[in-house]
Amino acid sequence: LEKTARPGHVRSEHYLMKTEPHRIYFAAAEGHRPNGLFIANNKPYQSVLPSTLAKWMLRMMSAAGIDISLYKAHSSRCASATDLKKRGFSLGQILQKADWTQAKTFRTFYDRS
């Protein structure tokens, strides 16, 4: 579940689907991979540090055209919602994309335009 998921509410996107290829991979990798969701793709193939994930997030936000001097990696939700507003998306579209029901949530916590 996402941090802000409401009880009984399921989003349409499925980020970590349990498909047969996933099950085969995890069964074969059992005992051979470090604990953690993100693993480096170069030796020694350890779990990725939080600082590395933050760098990746900032790189992706920058590539998306978001001014990373105004945001940190943990504020990607705020940055993306504000960017949608700057690009001319309606408040209704922003609420739908962010899975919010109240416009007040966006105005109070996320709108930095």
PDB file of N, CA and C in Angstrom:
ATOM      1  N   LEU A   1       0.827  -1.187   0.000  1.00  0.00           N
ATOM      2  CA  LEU A   1       0.000   0.000   0.000  1.00  0.00           C
ATOM      3  C   LEU A   1       0.867   1.245   0.000  1.00  0.00           C
ATOM      4  N   GLU A   2       0.342   2.275  -0.583  1.00  0.00           N
ATOM      5  CA  GLU A   2       1.041   3.542  -0.569  1.00  0.00           C
ATOM      6  C   GLU A   2       0.863   4.205   0.789  1.00  0.00           C
ATOM      7  N   LYS A   3       1.705   5.180   1.059  1.00  0.00           N
ATOM      8  CA  LYS A   3       1.653   5.896   2.323  1.00  0.00           C
ATOM      9  C   LYS A   3       0.269   6.490   2.569  1.00  0.00           C
ATOM     10  N   THR A   4      -0.346   7.017   1.522  1.00  0.00           N
ATOM     11  CA  THR A   4      -1.612   7.724   1.685  1.00  0.00           C
ATOM     12  C   THR A   4      -2.821   6.903   1.263  1.00  0.00           C
ATOM     13  N   ALA A   5      -2.669   5.600   1.115  1.00  0.00           N
ATOM     14  CA  ALA A   5      -3.775   4.761   0.662  1.00  0.00           C
ATOM     15  C   ALA A   5      -4.910   4.760   1.681  1.00  0.00           C
ATOM     16  N   ARG A   6      -6.107   4.916   1.194  1.00  0.00           N
ATOM     17  CA  ARG A   6      -7.283   4.872   2.045  1.00  0.00           C
ATOM     18  C   ARG A   6      -7.730   3.420   2.182  1.00  0.00           C
ATOM     19  N   PRO A   7      -8.260   3.048   3.342  1.00  0.00           N
ATOM     20  CA  PRO A   7      -8.746   1.678   3.518  1.00  0.00           C
ATOM     21  C   PRO A   7      -9.806   1.339   2.462  1.00  0.00           C
ATOM     22  N   GLY A   8      -9.669   0.200   1.848  1.00  0.00           N
ATOM     23  CA  GLY A   8     -10.632  -0.246   0.852  1.00  0.00           C
ATOM     24  C   GLY A   8     -10.494   0.416  -0.500  1.00  0.00           C
ATOM     25  N   HIS A   9      -9.483   1.240  -0.695  1.00  0.00           N
ATOM     26  CA  HIS A   9      -9.294   1.944  -1.962  1.00  0.00           C
ATOM     27  C   HIS A   9      -8.075   1.378  -2.673  1.00  0.00           C
ATOM     28  N   VAL A  10      -8.264   0.896  -3.882  1.00  0.00           N
ATOM     29  CA  VAL A  10      -7.168   0.309  -4.652  1.00  0.00           C
ATOM     30  C   VAL A  10      -6.953   1.142  -5.896  1.00  0.00           C
ATOM     31  N   ARG A  11      -5.719   1.560  -6.127  1.00  0.00           N
ATOM     32  CA  ARG A  11      -5.404   2.347  -7.320  1.00  0.00           C
ATOM     33  C   ARG A  11      -5.341   1.431  -8.534  1.00  0.00           C
ATOM     34  N   SER A  12      -5.433   2.044  -9.708  1.00  0.00           N
ATOM     35  CA  SER A  12      -5.443   1.250 -10.932  1.00  0.00           C
ATOM     36  C   SER A  12      -4.057   0.742 -11.315  1.00  0.00           C
ATOM     37  N   GLU A  13      -2.988   1.418 -10.862  1.00  0.00           N
ATOM     38  CA  GLU A  13      -1.645   0.960 -11.182  1.00  0.00           C
ATOM     39  C   GLU A  13      -1.218  -0.139 -10.219  1.00  0.00           C
ATOM     40  N   HIS A  14      -0.520  -1.116 -10.748  1.00  0.00           N
ATOM     41  CA  HIS A  14       0.012  -2.199  -9.914  1.00  0.00           C
ATOM     42  C   HIS A  14       1.524  -2.203 -10.108  1.00  0.00           C
ATOM     43  N   TYR A  15       2.244  -1.639  -9.145  1.00  0.00           N
ATOM     44  CA  TYR A  15       3.677  -1.431  -9.301  1.00  0.00           C
ATOM     45  C   TYR A  15       4.492  -2.707  -9.146  1.00  0.00           C
ATOM     46  N   LEU A  16       4.093  -3.541  -8.232  1.00  0.00           N
ATOM     47  CA  LEU A  16       4.874  -4.758  -7.983  1.00  0.00           C
ATOM     48  C   LEU A  16       3.989  -5.981  -8.189  1.00  0.00           C
ATOM     49  N   MET A  17       3.613  -6.210  -9.416  1.00  0.00           N
ATOM     50  CA  MET A  17       2.729  -7.340  -9.718  1.00  0.00           C
ATOM     51  C   MET A  17       3.431  -8.657  -9.430  1.00  0.00           C
ATOM     52  N   LYS A  18       2.682  -9.571  -8.885  1.00  0.00           N
ATOM     53  CA  LYS A  18       3.212 -10.910  -8.624  1.00  0.00           C
ATOM     54  C   LYS A  18       2.919 -11.777  -9.842  1.00  0.00           C
ATOM     55  N   THR A  19       3.787 -11.729 -10.811  1.00  0.00           N
ATOM     56  CA  THR A  19       3.610 -12.524 -12.019  1.00  0.00           C
ATOM     57  C   THR A  19       4.486 -13.760 -11.934  1.00  0.00           C
ATOM     58  N   GLU A  20       4.267 -14.691 -12.814  1.00  0.00           N
ATOM     59  CA  GLU A  20       5.050 -15.931 -12.821  1.00  0.00           C
ATOM     60  C   GLU A  20       6.544 -15.664 -12.996  1.00  0.00           C
ATOM     61  N   PRO A  21       6.974 -14.779 -13.923  1.00  0.00           N
ATOM     62  CA  PRO A  21       8.407 -14.500 -14.029  1.00  0.00           C
ATOM     63  C   PRO A  21       9.003 -13.933 -12.732  1.00  0.00           C
ATOM     64  N   HIS A  22       8.236 -13.101 -12.035  1.00  0.00           N
ATOM     65  CA  HIS A  22       8.724 -12.577 -10.761  1.00  0.00           C
ATOM     66  C   HIS A  22       8.898 -13.700  -9.744  1.00  0.00           C
ATOM     67  N   ARG A  23       7.916 -14.585  -9.680  1.00  0.00           N
ATOM     68  CA  ARG A  23       8.004 -15.698  -8.733  1.00  0.00           C
ATOM     69  C   ARG A  23       9.208 -16.592  -9.049  1.00  0.00           C
ATOM     70  N   ILE A  24       9.443 -16.867 -10.323  1.00  0.00           N
ATOM     71  CA  ILE A  24      10.576 -17.703 -10.728  1.00  0.00           C
ATOM     72  C   ILE A  24      11.892 -17.040 -10.335  1.00  0.00           C
ATOM     73  N   TYR A  25      11.998 -15.714 -10.620  1.00  0.00           N
ATOM     74  CA  TYR A  25      13.222 -14.982 -10.286  1.00  0.00           C
ATOM     75  C   TYR A  25      13.488 -15.036  -8.781  1.00  0.00           C
ATOM     76  N   PHE A  26      12.475 -14.706  -7.971  1.00  0.00           N
ATOM     77  CA  PHE A  26      12.682 -14.660  -6.525  1.00  0.00           C
ATOM     78  C   PHE A  26      12.974 -16.037  -5.953  1.00  0.00           C
ATOM     79  N   ALA A  27      12.390 -17.081  -6.510  1.00  0.00           N
ATOM     80  CA  ALA A  27      12.690 -18.438  -6.053  1.00  0.00           C
ATOM     81  C   ALA A  27      14.135 -18.803  -6.386  1.00  0.00           C
ATOM     82  N   ALA A  28      14.588 -18.461  -7.592  1.00  0.00           N
ATOM     83  CA  ALA A  28      15.960 -18.781  -7.999  1.00  0.00           C
ATOM     84  C   ALA A  28      16.984 -17.948  -7.232  1.00  0.00           C
ATOM     85  N   ALA A  29      16.612 -16.727  -6.864  1.00  0.00           N
ATOM     86  CA  ALA A  29      17.550 -15.827  -6.195  1.00  0.00           C
ATOM     87  C   ALA A  29      17.574 -16.014  -4.681  1.00  0.00           C
ATOM     88  N   GLU A  30      16.682 -16.838  -4.170  1.00  0.00           N
ATOM     89  CA  GLU A  30      16.594 -17.055  -2.730  1.00  0.00           C
ATOM     90  C   GLU A  30      17.957 -17.428  -2.150  1.00  0.00           C
ATOM     91  N   GLY A  31      18.397 -16.663  -1.165  1.00  0.00           N
ATOM     92  CA  GLY A  31      19.678 -16.915  -0.512  1.00  0.00           C
ATOM     93  C   GLY A  31      20.878 -16.351  -1.260  1.00  0.00           C
ATOM     94  N   HIS A  32      20.661 -15.791  -2.459  1.00  0.00           N
ATOM     95  CA  HIS A  32      21.776 -15.272  -3.256  1.00  0.00           C
ATOM     96  C   HIS A  32      21.712 -13.764  -3.463  1.00  0.00           C
ATOM     97  N   ARG A  33      20.713 -13.124  -2.929  1.00  0.00           N
ATOM     98  CA  ARG A  33      20.599 -11.698  -3.133  1.00  0.00           C
ATOM     99  C   ARG A  33      20.454 -11.013  -1.783  1.00  0.00           C
ATOM    100  N   PRO A  34      20.959  -9.773  -1.692  1.00  0.00           N
ATOM    101  CA  PRO A  34      20.842  -9.057  -0.422  1.00  0.00           C
ATOM    102  C   PRO A  34      19.393  -8.668  -0.147  1.00  0.00           C
ATOM    103  N   ASN A  35      19.102  -8.384   1.101  1.00  0.00           N
ATOM    104  CA  ASN A  35      17.770  -7.904   1.451  1.00  0.00           C
ATOM    105  C   ASN A  35      17.619  -6.474   0.963  1.00  0.00           C
ATOM    106  N   GLY A  36      16.491  -6.149   0.491  1.00  0.00           N
ATOM    107  CA  GLY A  36      16.228  -4.794   0.018  1.00  0.00           C
ATOM    108  C   GLY A  36      15.541  -4.825  -1.320  1.00  0.00           C
ATOM    109  N   LEU A  37      14.745  -3.799  -1.567  1.00  0.00           N
ATOM    110  CA  LEU A  37      14.007  -3.728  -2.813  1.00  0.00           C
ATOM    111  C   LEU A  37      14.898  -3.294  -3.965  1.00  0.00           C
ATOM    112  N   PHE A  38      15.833  -2.381  -3.690  1.00  0.00           N
ATOM    113  CA  PHE A  38      16.725  -1.869  -4.735  1.00  0.00           C
ATOM    114  C   PHE A  38      18.121  -2.428  -4.537  1.00  0.00           C
ATOM    115  N   ILE A  39      18.646  -3.031  -5.592  1.00  0.00           N
ATOM    116  CA  ILE A  39      19.959  -3.669  -5.539  1.00  0.00           C
ATOM    117  C   ILE A  39      20.824  -3.092  -6.650  1.00  0.00           C
ATOM    118  N   ALA A  40      22.078  -2.792  -6.331  1.00  0.00           N
ATOM    119  CA  ALA A  40      22.998  -2.243  -7.322  1.00  0.00           C
ATOM    120  C   ALA A  40      23.217  -3.249  -8.444  1.00  0.00           C
ATOM    121  N   ASN A  41      23.385  -2.736  -9.665  1.00  0.00           N
ATOM    122  CA  ASN A  41      23.590  -3.637 -10.798  1.00  0.00           C
ATOM    123  C   ASN A  41      25.071  -3.806 -11.130  1.00  0.00           C
ATOM    124  N   ASN A  42      25.937  -3.390 -10.225  1.00  0.00           N
ATOM    125  CA  ASN A  42      27.372  -3.633 -10.393  1.00  0.00           C
ATOM    126  C   ASN A  42      27.923  -4.241  -9.101  1.00  0.00           C
ATOM    127  N   LYS A  43      29.043  -4.898  -9.232  1.00  0.00           N
ATOM    128  CA  LYS A  43      29.622  -5.598  -8.086  1.00  0.00           C
ATOM    129  C   LYS A  43      29.866  -4.611  -6.961  1.00  0.00           C
ATOM    130  N   PRO A  44      29.640  -4.997  -5.745  1.00  0.00           N
ATOM    131  CA  PRO A  44      29.346  -6.316  -5.184  1.00  0.00           C
ATOM    132  C   PRO A  44      27.848  -6.635  -5.067  1.00  0.00           C
ATOM    133  N   TYR A  45      26.963  -5.970  -5.838  1.00  0.00           N
ATOM    134  CA  TYR A  45      25.528  -6.262  -5.885  1.00  0.00           C
ATOM    135  C   TYR A  45      24.858  -6.189  -4.509  1.00  0.00           C
ATOM    136  N   GLN A  46      25.119  -5.122  -3.802  1.00  0.00           N
ATOM    137  CA  GLN A  46      24.533  -4.918  -2.476  1.00  0.00           C
ATOM    138  C   GLN A  46      23.279  -4.058  -2.574  1.00  0.00           C
ATOM    139  N   SER A  47      22.554  -3.982  -1.488  1.00  0.00           N
ATOM    140  CA  SER A  47      21.396  -3.104  -1.428  1.00  0.00           C
ATOM    141  C   SER A  47      21.849  -1.664  -1.640  1.00  0.00           C
ATOM    142  N   VAL A  48      21.033  -0.905  -2.332  1.00  0.00           N
ATOM    143  CA  VAL A  48      21.354   0.488  -2.628  1.00  0.00           C
ATOM    144  C   VAL A  48      21.086   1.335  -1.391  1.00  0.00           C
ATOM    145  N   LEU A  49      21.993   2.258  -1.111  1.00  0.00           N
ATOM    146  CA  LEU A  49      21.850   3.136   0.043  1.00  0.00           C
ATOM    147  C   LEU A  49      20.765   4.187  -0.200  1.00  0.00           C
ATOM    148  N   PRO A  50      20.141   4.682   0.858  1.00  0.00           N
ATOM    149  CA  PRO A  50      19.137   5.733   0.697  1.00  0.00           C
ATOM    150  C   PRO A  50      19.678   6.974  -0.020  1.00  0.00           C
ATOM    151  N   SER A  51      20.941   7.310   0.215  1.00  0.00           N
ATOM    152  CA  SER A  51      21.521   8.478  -0.457  1.00  0.00           C
ATOM    153  C   SER A  51      21.619   8.260  -1.965  1.00  0.00           C
ATOM    154  N   THR A  52      21.858   7.035  -2.380  1.00  0.00           N
ATOM    155  CA  THR A  52      21.901   6.714  -3.810  1.00  0.00           C
ATOM    156  C   THR A  52      20.512   6.822  -4.413  1.00  0.00           C
ATOM    157  N   LEU A  53      19.508   6.325  -3.723  1.00  0.00           N
ATOM    158  CA  LEU A  53      18.136   6.456  -4.206  1.00  0.00           C
ATOM    159  C   LEU A  53      17.745   7.927  -4.333  1.00  0.00           C
ATOM    160  N   ALA A  54      18.164   8.741  -3.375  1.00  0.00           N
ATOM    161  CA  ALA A  54      17.870  10.176  -3.431  1.00  0.00           C
ATOM    162  C   ALA A  54      18.516  10.815  -4.658  1.00  0.00           C
ATOM    163  N   LYS A  55      19.737  10.434  -4.961  1.00  0.00           N
ATOM    164  CA  LYS A  55      20.418  10.956  -6.161  1.00  0.00           C
ATOM    165  C   LYS A  55      19.671  10.550  -7.421  1.00  0.00           C
ATOM    166  N   TRP A  56      19.221   9.300  -7.458  1.00  0.00           N
ATOM    167  CA  TRP A  56      18.468   8.824  -8.628  1.00  0.00           C
ATOM    168  C   TRP A  56      17.169   9.600  -8.786  1.00  0.00           C
ATOM    169  N   MET A  57      16.462   9.829  -7.666  1.00  0.00           N
ATOM    170  CA  MET A  57      15.208  10.584  -7.710  1.00  0.00           C
ATOM    171  C   MET A  57      15.443  11.995  -8.245  1.00  0.00           C
ATOM    172  N   LEU A  58      16.472  12.665  -7.744  1.00  0.00           N
ATOM    173  CA  LEU A  58      16.764  14.023  -8.205  1.00  0.00           C
ATOM    174  C   LEU A  58      17.131  14.036  -9.683  1.00  0.00           C
ATOM    175  N   ARG A  59      17.868  13.035 -10.126  1.00  0.00           N
ATOM    176  CA  ARG A  59      18.233  12.943 -11.538  1.00  0.00           C
ATOM    177  C   ARG A  59      16.984  12.795 -12.413  1.00  0.00           C
ATOM    178  N   MET A  60      16.043  11.952 -11.978  1.00  0.00           N
ATOM    179  CA  MET A  60      14.812  11.746 -12.736  1.00  0.00           C
ATOM    180  C   MET A  60      13.929  12.984 -12.714  1.00  0.00           C
ATOM    181  N   MET A  61      13.859  13.658 -11.574  1.00  0.00           N
ATOM    182  CA  MET A  61      13.068  14.884 -11.492  1.00  0.00           C
ATOM    183  C   MET A  61      13.638  15.951 -12.407  1.00  0.00           C
ATOM    184  N   SER A  62      14.954  16.056 -12.439  1.00  0.00           N
ATOM    185  CA  SER A  62      15.610  17.018 -13.326  1.00  0.00           C
ATOM    186  C   SER A  62      15.344  16.679 -14.788  1.00  0.00           C
ATOM    187  N   ALA A  63      15.423  15.400 -15.129  1.00  0.00           N
ATOM    188  CA  ALA A  63      15.161  14.967 -16.504  1.00  0.00           C
ATOM    189  C   ALA A  63      13.717  15.250 -16.914  1.00  0.00           C
ATOM    190  N   ALA A  64      12.812  15.297 -15.929  1.00  0.00           N
ATOM    191  CA  ALA A  64      11.405  15.589 -16.205  1.00  0.00           C
ATOM    192  C   ALA A  64      11.141  17.088 -16.307  1.00  0.00           C
ATOM    193  N   GLY A  65      12.188  17.888 -16.105  1.00  0.00           N
ATOM    194  CA  GLY A  65      12.036  19.332 -16.226  1.00  0.00           C
ATOM    195  C   GLY A  65      11.680  20.035 -14.934  1.00  0.00           C
ATOM    196  N   ILE A  66      11.805  19.349 -13.810  1.00  0.00           N
ATOM    197  CA  ILE A  66      11.494  19.946 -12.505  1.00  0.00           C
ATOM    198  C   ILE A  66      12.751  20.602 -11.955  1.00  0.00           C
ATOM    199  N   ASP A  67      12.609  21.829 -11.453  1.00  0.00           N
ATOM    200  CA  ASP A  67      13.736  22.574 -10.905  1.00  0.00           C
ATOM    201  C   ASP A  67      14.137  21.959  -9.565  1.00  0.00           C
ATOM    202  N   ILE A  68      15.221  21.180  -9.555  1.00  0.00           N
ATOM    203  CA  ILE A  68      15.614  20.459  -8.342  1.00  0.00           C
ATOM    204  C   ILE A  68      16.292  21.351  -7.304  1.00  0.00           C
ATOM    205  N   SER A  69      16.506  22.624  -7.625  1.00  0.00           N
ATOM    206  CA  SER A  69      17.023  23.533  -6.602  1.00  0.00           C
ATOM    207  C   SER A  69      15.918  23.894  -5.607  1.00  0.00           C
ATOM    208  N   LEU A  70      14.658  23.668  -5.996  1.00  0.00           N
ATOM    209  CA  LEU A  70      13.516  23.983  -5.131  1.00  0.00           C
ATOM    210  C   LEU A  70      13.026  22.782  -4.331  1.00  0.00           C
ATOM    211  N   TYR A  71      13.439  21.588  -4.706  1.00  0.00           N
ATOM    212  CA  TYR A  71      12.904  20.370  -4.092  1.00  0.00           C
ATOM    213  C   TYR A  71      14.016  19.402  -3.718  1.00  0.00           C
ATOM    214  N   LYS A  72      13.741  18.586  -2.716  1.00  0.00           N
ATOM    215  CA  LYS A  72      14.630  17.482  -2.363  1.00  0.00           C
ATOM    216  C   LYS A  72      13.984  16.187  -2.856  1.00  0.00           C
ATOM    217  N   ALA A  73      14.712  15.101  -2.788  1.00  0.00           N
ATOM    218  CA  ALA A  73      14.213  13.835  -3.328  1.00  0.00           C
ATOM    219  C   ALA A  73      12.929  13.381  -2.648  1.00  0.00           C
ATOM    220  N   HIS A  74      12.801  13.632  -1.341  1.00  0.00           N
ATOM    221  CA  HIS A  74      11.603  13.163  -0.633  1.00  0.00           C
ATOM    222  C   HIS A  74      10.363  13.991  -0.968  1.00  0.00           C
ATOM    223  N   SER A  75      10.524  15.109  -1.669  1.00  0.00           N
ATOM    224  CA  SER A  75       9.375  15.953  -2.002  1.00  0.00           C
ATOM    225  C   SER A  75       8.936  15.770  -3.455  1.00  0.00           C
ATOM    226  N   SER A  76       9.153  14.598  -4.007  1.00  0.00           N
ATOM    227  CA  SER A  76       8.807  14.357  -5.412  1.00  0.00           C
ATOM    228  C   SER A  76       7.308  14.455  -5.653  1.00  0.00           C
ATOM    229  N   ARG A  77       6.498  14.072  -4.687  1.00  0.00           N
ATOM    230  CA  ARG A  77       5.036  14.160  -4.838  1.00  0.00           C
ATOM    231  C   ARG A  77       4.612  15.628  -4.941  1.00  0.00           C
ATOM    232  N   CYS A  78       5.165  16.455  -4.097  1.00  0.00           N
ATOM    233  CA  CYS A  78       4.888  17.893  -4.137  1.00  0.00           C
ATOM    234  C   CYS A  78       5.384  18.494  -5.448  1.00  0.00           C
ATOM    235  N   ALA A  79       6.594  18.132  -5.839  1.00  0.00           N
ATOM    236  CA  ALA A  79       7.195  18.670  -7.062  1.00  0.00           C
ATOM    237  C   ALA A  79       6.378  18.296  -8.290  1.00  0.00           C
ATOM    238  N   SER A  80       5.939  17.059  -8.360  1.00  0.00           N
ATOM    239  CA  SER A  80       5.194  16.626  -9.540  1.00  0.00           C
ATOM    240  C   SER A  80       3.809  17.271  -9.595  1.00  0.00           C
ATOM    241  N   ALA A  81       3.153  17.394  -8.442  1.00  0.00           N
ATOM    242  CA  ALA A  81       1.830  18.031  -8.426  1.00  0.00           C
ATOM    243  C   ALA A  81       1.926  19.507  -8.808  1.00  0.00           C
ATOM    244  N   THR A  82       2.916  20.201  -8.265  1.00  0.00           N
ATOM    245  CA  THR A  82       3.109  21.615  -8.601  1.00  0.00           C
ATOM    246  C   THR A  82       3.477  21.769 -10.071  1.00  0.00           C
ATOM    247  N   ASP A  83       4.297  20.861 -10.585  1.00  0.00           N
ATOM    248  CA  ASP A  83       4.685  20.913 -11.999  1.00  0.00           C
ATOM    249  C   ASP A  83       3.470  20.725 -12.908  1.00  0.00           C
ATOM    250  N   LEU A  84       2.572  19.828 -12.528  1.00  0.00           N
ATOM    251  CA  LEU A  84       1.354  19.642 -13.324  1.00  0.00           C
ATOM    252  C   LEU A  84       0.543  20.937 -13.376  1.00  0.00           C
ATOM    253  N   LYS A  85       0.452  21.636 -12.242  1.00  0.00           N
ATOM    254  CA  LYS A  85      -0.286  22.905 -12.218  1.00  0.00           C
ATOM    255  C   LYS A  85       0.377  23.929 -13.128  1.00  0.00           C
ATOM    256  N   LYS A  86       1.714  24.013 -13.063  1.00  0.00           N
ATOM    257  CA  LYS A  86       2.451  24.964 -13.904  1.00  0.00           C
ATOM    258  C   LYS A  86       2.287  24.651 -15.386  1.00  0.00           C
ATOM    259  N   ARG A  87       2.073  23.386 -15.717  1.00  0.00           N
ATOM    260  CA  ARG A  87       1.911  22.976 -17.119  1.00  0.00           C
ATOM    261  C   ARG A  87       0.470  23.108 -17.616  1.00  0.00           C
ATOM    262  N   GLY A  88      -0.402  23.615 -16.750  1.00  0.00           N
ATOM    263  CA  GLY A  88      -1.758  23.902 -17.182  1.00  0.00           C
ATOM    264  C   GLY A  88      -2.792  22.828 -16.916  1.00  0.00           C
ATOM    265  N   PHE A  89      -2.456  21.822 -16.141  1.00  0.00           N
ATOM    266  CA  PHE A  89      -3.442  20.792 -15.798  1.00  0.00           C
ATOM    267  C   PHE A  89      -4.471  21.395 -14.848  1.00  0.00           C
ATOM    268  N   SER A  90      -5.695  20.959 -14.971  1.00  0.00           N
ATOM    269  CA  SER A  90      -6.745  21.458 -14.084  1.00  0.00           C
ATOM    270  C   SER A  90      -6.586  20.844 -12.700  1.00  0.00           C
ATOM    271  N   LEU A  91      -7.213  21.489 -11.720  1.00  0.00           N
ATOM    272  CA  LEU A  91      -7.150  20.968 -10.357  1.00  0.00           C
ATOM    273  C   LEU A  91      -7.756  19.569 -10.291  1.00  0.00           C
ATOM    274  N   GLY A  92      -8.836  19.345 -11.034  1.00  0.00           N
ATOM    275  CA  GLY A  92      -9.455  18.023 -11.072  1.00  0.00           C
ATOM    276  C   GLY A  92      -8.520  16.950 -11.603  1.00  0.00           C
ATOM    277  N   GLN A  93      -7.761  17.289 -12.653  1.00  0.00           N
ATOM    278  CA  GLN A  93      -6.802  16.335 -13.217  1.00  0.00           C
ATOM    279  C   GLN A  93      -5.684  16.028 -12.221  1.00  0.00           C
ATOM    280  N   ILE A  94      -5.216  17.062 -11.524  1.00  0.00           N
ATOM    281  CA  ILE A  94      -4.150  16.865 -10.533  1.00  0.00           C
ATOM    282  C   ILE A  94      -4.645  15.967  -9.401  1.00  0.00           C
ATOM    283  N   LEU A  95      -5.856  16.240  -8.927  1.00  0.00           N
ATOM    284  CA  LEU A  95      -6.418  15.419  -7.850  1.00  0.00           C
ATOM    285  C   LEU A  95      -6.559  13.969  -8.285  1.00  0.00           C
ATOM    286  N   GLN A  96      -6.972  13.765  -9.517  1.00  0.00           N
ATOM    287  CA  GLN A  96      -7.135  12.396 -10.020  1.00  0.00           C
ATOM    288  C   GLN A  96      -5.785  11.691 -10.119  1.00  0.00           C
ATOM    289  N   LYS A  97      -4.789  12.369 -10.699  1.00  0.00           N
ATOM    290  CA  LYS A  97      -3.467  11.747 -10.855  1.00  0.00           C
ATOM    291  C   LYS A  97      -2.833  11.426  -9.504  1.00  0.00           C
ATOM    292  N   ALA A  98      -3.036  12.309  -8.517  1.00  0.00           N
ATOM    293  CA  ALA A  98      -2.429  12.120  -7.197  1.00  0.00           C
ATOM    294  C   ALA A  98      -3.277  11.237  -6.291  1.00  0.00           C
ATOM    295  N   ASP A  99      -4.481  10.899  -6.740  1.00  0.00           N
ATOM    296  CA  ASP A  99      -5.406  10.079  -5.963  1.00  0.00           C
ATOM    297  C   ASP A  99      -5.829  10.782  -4.674  1.00  0.00           C
ATOM    298  N   TRP A 100      -6.103  12.086  -4.796  1.00  0.00           N
ATOM    299  CA  TRP A 100      -6.615  12.877  -3.683  1.00  0.00           C
ATOM    300  C   TRP A 100      -8.093  13.131  -3.916  1.00  0.00           C
ATOM    301  N   THR A 101      -8.858  13.247  -2.840  1.00  0.00           N
ATOM    302  CA  THR A 101     -10.277  13.554  -2.971  1.00  0.00           C
ATOM    303  C   THR A 101     -10.575  15.005  -2.631  1.00  0.00           C
ATOM    304  N   GLN A 102      -9.703  15.648  -1.887  1.00  0.00           N
ATOM    305  CA  GLN A 102      -9.932  17.021  -1.434  1.00  0.00           C
ATOM    306  C   GLN A 102      -8.952  17.989  -2.086  1.00  0.00           C
ATOM    307  N   ALA A 103      -9.465  19.044  -2.694  1.00  0.00           N
ATOM    308  CA  ALA A 103      -8.601  20.080  -3.271  1.00  0.00           C
ATOM    309  C   ALA A 103      -7.788  20.765  -2.178  1.00  0.00           C
ATOM    310  N   LYS A 104      -8.331  20.790  -0.978  1.00  0.00           N
ATOM    311  CA  LYS A 104      -7.639  21.412   0.157  1.00  0.00           C
ATOM    312  C   LYS A 104      -6.290  20.735   0.414  1.00  0.00           C
ATOM    313  N   THR A 105      -6.211  19.426   0.198  1.00  0.00           N
ATOM    314  CA  THR A 105      -4.951  18.696   0.396  1.00  0.00           C
ATOM    315  C   THR A 105      -3.868  19.264  -0.493  1.00  0.00           C
ATOM    316  N   PHE A 106      -4.194  19.481  -1.773  1.00  0.00           N
ATOM    317  CA  PHE A 106      -3.214  20.036  -2.708  1.00  0.00           C
ATOM    318  C   PHE A 106      -2.843  21.461  -2.309  1.00  0.00           C
ATOM    319  N   ARG A 107      -3.836  22.289  -2.071  1.00  0.00           N
ATOM    320  CA  ARG A 107      -3.566  23.701  -1.759  1.00  0.00           C
ATOM    321  C   ARG A 107      -2.770  23.870  -0.473  1.00  0.00           C
ATOM    322  N   THR A 108      -3.072  23.070   0.542  1.00  0.00           N
ATOM    323  CA  THR A 108      -2.431  23.212   1.841  1.00  0.00           C
ATOM    324  C   THR A 108      -1.007  22.659   1.874  1.00  0.00           C
ATOM    325  N   PHE A 109      -0.811  21.477   1.292  1.00  0.00           N
ATOM    326  CA  PHE A 109       0.459  20.790   1.493  1.00  0.00           C
ATOM    327  C   PHE A 109       1.362  20.719   0.270  1.00  0.00           C
ATOM    328  N   TYR A 110       0.823  20.845  -0.929  1.00  0.00           N
ATOM    329  CA  TYR A 110       1.631  20.533  -2.111  1.00  0.00           C
ATOM    330  C   TYR A 110       1.817  21.675  -3.104  1.00  0.00           C
ATOM    331  N   ASP A 111       0.938  22.649  -3.140  1.00  0.00           N
ATOM    332  CA  ASP A 111       1.026  23.709  -4.140  1.00  0.00           C
ATOM    333  C   ASP A 111       2.116  24.711  -3.778  1.00  0.00           C
ATOM    334  N   ARG A 112       3.185  24.707  -4.539  1.00  0.00           N
ATOM    335  CA  ARG A 112       4.291  25.643  -4.297  1.00  0.00           C
ATOM    336  C   ARG A 112       4.464  26.614  -5.472  1.00  0.00           C
ATOM    337  N   SER A 113       3.415  26.809  -6.233  1.00  0.00           N
ATOM    338  CA  SER A 113       3.534  27.723  -7.379  1.00  0.00           C
ATOM    339  C   SER A 113       3.255  29.157  -6.985  1.00  0.00           C
TER     340      SER A 113
END
